[in-house]
């Protein structure tokens, strides 16, 4: 159930929160995005889950968090370059739109 919260859609939302500039400039790493995704997924999971899960032994909670982080990093590894490439394309399009017209 927790790992269902680690998805392309949630990753897209996390990337939107970060913004284009850090991706294009490389000021945010894949690892940082992975941590943000895991935290976001875990936060929503804890809102939705049964209190029995919240009150389980620390060892089990640690396993849940670790697995969530690993899946988040795996998804980010798969998708990060797509997001960066898309952000760069958007930046280029914006620059073209903002460029002064050329006269011939």
Protein backbone atom coordinates (compact mmCIF):
# COMPACT_ATOMS: atom_id res chain seq x y z
CA UNK A 1 0.00 0.00 0.00
CA UNK A 2 2.81 2.42 0.83
CA UNK A 3 4.63 1.66 -2.40
CA UNK A 4 1.48 2.50 -4.37
CA UNK A 5 2.17 6.09 -3.33
CA UNK A 6 5.52 6.01 -5.14
CA UNK A 7 4.30 6.76 -8.66
CA UNK A 8 5.02 8.73 -11.81
CA UNK A 9 2.25 11.18 -10.92
CA UNK A 10 3.64 11.85 -7.46
CA UNK A 11 7.13 12.25 -8.90
CA UNK A 12 5.76 14.77 -11.37
CA UNK A 13 4.15 16.68 -8.48
CA UNK A 14 7.41 16.69 -6.52
CA UNK A 15 9.28 17.95 -9.58
CA UNK A 16 6.66 20.68 -10.01
CA UNK A 17 7.20 21.78 -6.41
CA UNK A 18 10.95 22.00 -7.00
CA UNK A 19 10.57 23.94 -10.24
CA UNK A 20 12.39 23.92 -13.55
CA UNK A 21 15.43 25.99 -12.67
CA UNK A 22 17.05 23.62 -10.16
CA UNK A 23 16.68 20.77 -12.62
CA UNK A 24 18.13 22.68 -15.55
CA UNK A 25 20.97 24.16 -13.50
CA UNK A 26 21.72 20.89 -11.75
CA UNK A 27 21.39 22.41 -8.28
CA UNK A 28 19.19 19.53 -7.19
CA UNK A 29 20.39 15.94 -7.36
CA UNK A 30 18.56 12.73 -8.16
CA UNK A 31 19.14 11.63 -4.58
CA UNK A 32 17.47 14.77 -3.23
CA UNK A 33 14.48 14.23 -5.50
CA UNK A 34 14.34 10.60 -4.32
CA UNK A 35 14.23 11.70 -0.69
CA UNK A 36 11.53 14.29 -1.44
CA UNK A 37 9.46 11.67 -3.27
CA UNK A 38 9.81 9.17 -0.43
CA UNK A 39 8.84 11.78 2.18
CA UNK A 40 5.83 12.88 0.15
CA UNK A 41 4.66 9.29 -0.40
CA UNK A 42 5.16 8.43 3.26
CA UNK A 43 3.32 11.55 4.41
CA UNK A 44 0.22 10.68 2.39
CA UNK A 45 0.42 7.02 3.34
CA UNK A 46 0.41 7.92 7.03
CA UNK A 47 -2.70 10.07 6.51
CA UNK A 48 -4.54 7.15 4.92
CA UNK A 49 -3.26 4.08 6.77
CA UNK A 50 -4.70 2.25 9.72
CA UNK A 51 -3.40 3.29 13.13
CA UNK A 52 -2.23 -0.30 13.66
CA UNK A 53 0.46 0.29 11.05
CA UNK A 54 1.55 3.52 12.70
CA UNK A 55 1.75 1.76 16.05
CA UNK A 56 3.76 -1.25 14.84
CA UNK A 57 7.22 -2.05 16.09
CA UNK A 58 9.99 0.36 15.16
CA UNK A 59 11.74 -2.34 13.14
CA UNK A 60 8.76 -2.82 10.84
CA UNK A 61 8.31 0.93 10.39
CA UNK A 62 11.99 1.20 9.51
CA UNK A 63 11.57 -1.53 6.87
CA UNK A 64 8.56 0.31 5.40
CA UNK A 65 10.47 3.59 5.23
CA UNK A 66 13.56 1.93 3.76
CA UNK A 67 11.53 0.17 1.07
CA UNK A 68 9.71 3.40 0.25
CA UNK A 69 13.04 5.20 -0.12
CA UNK A 70 14.51 2.43 -2.31
CA UNK A 71 11.50 2.42 -4.62
CA UNK A 72 11.56 6.23 -4.79
CA UNK A 73 15.22 6.26 -5.77
CA UNK A 74 14.58 3.54 -8.34
CA UNK A 75 11.74 5.51 -9.93
CA UNK A 76 13.78 8.72 -9.91
CA UNK A 77 16.69 6.88 -11.56
CA UNK A 78 14.33 5.78 -14.32
CA UNK A 79 12.63 9.14 -14.88
CA UNK A 80 14.99 11.91 -13.79
CA UNK A 81 16.62 12.53 -17.16
CA UNK A 82 13.20 12.72 -18.82
CA UNK A 83 12.19 15.49 -16.43
CA UNK A 84 15.48 17.33 -16.86
CA UNK A 85 15.27 17.08 -20.66
CA UNK A 86 11.68 18.33 -20.62
CA UNK A 87 12.62 21.21 -18.32
CA UNK A 88 15.47 22.19 -20.65
CA UNK A 89 13.17 22.11 -23.67
CA UNK A 90 10.69 24.34 -21.85
CA UNK A 91 13.48 26.76 -20.92
CA UNK A 92 14.62 26.89 -24.57
CA UNK A 93 11.06 27.55 -25.77
CA UNK A 94 10.63 30.34 -23.24
CA UNK A 95 13.96 31.87 -24.27
CA UNK A 96 12.86 31.80 -27.93
CA UNK A 97 9.57 33.47 -27.08
CA UNK A 98 11.35 36.16 -25.06
CA UNK A 99 14.08 36.77 -27.62
CA UNK A 100 13.86 40.03 -29.55
CA UNK A 101 12.61 39.59 -33.09
CA UNK A 102 15.28 39.31 -35.74
CA UNK A 103 15.22 41.59 -38.70
CA UNK A 104 16.46 40.54 -42.10
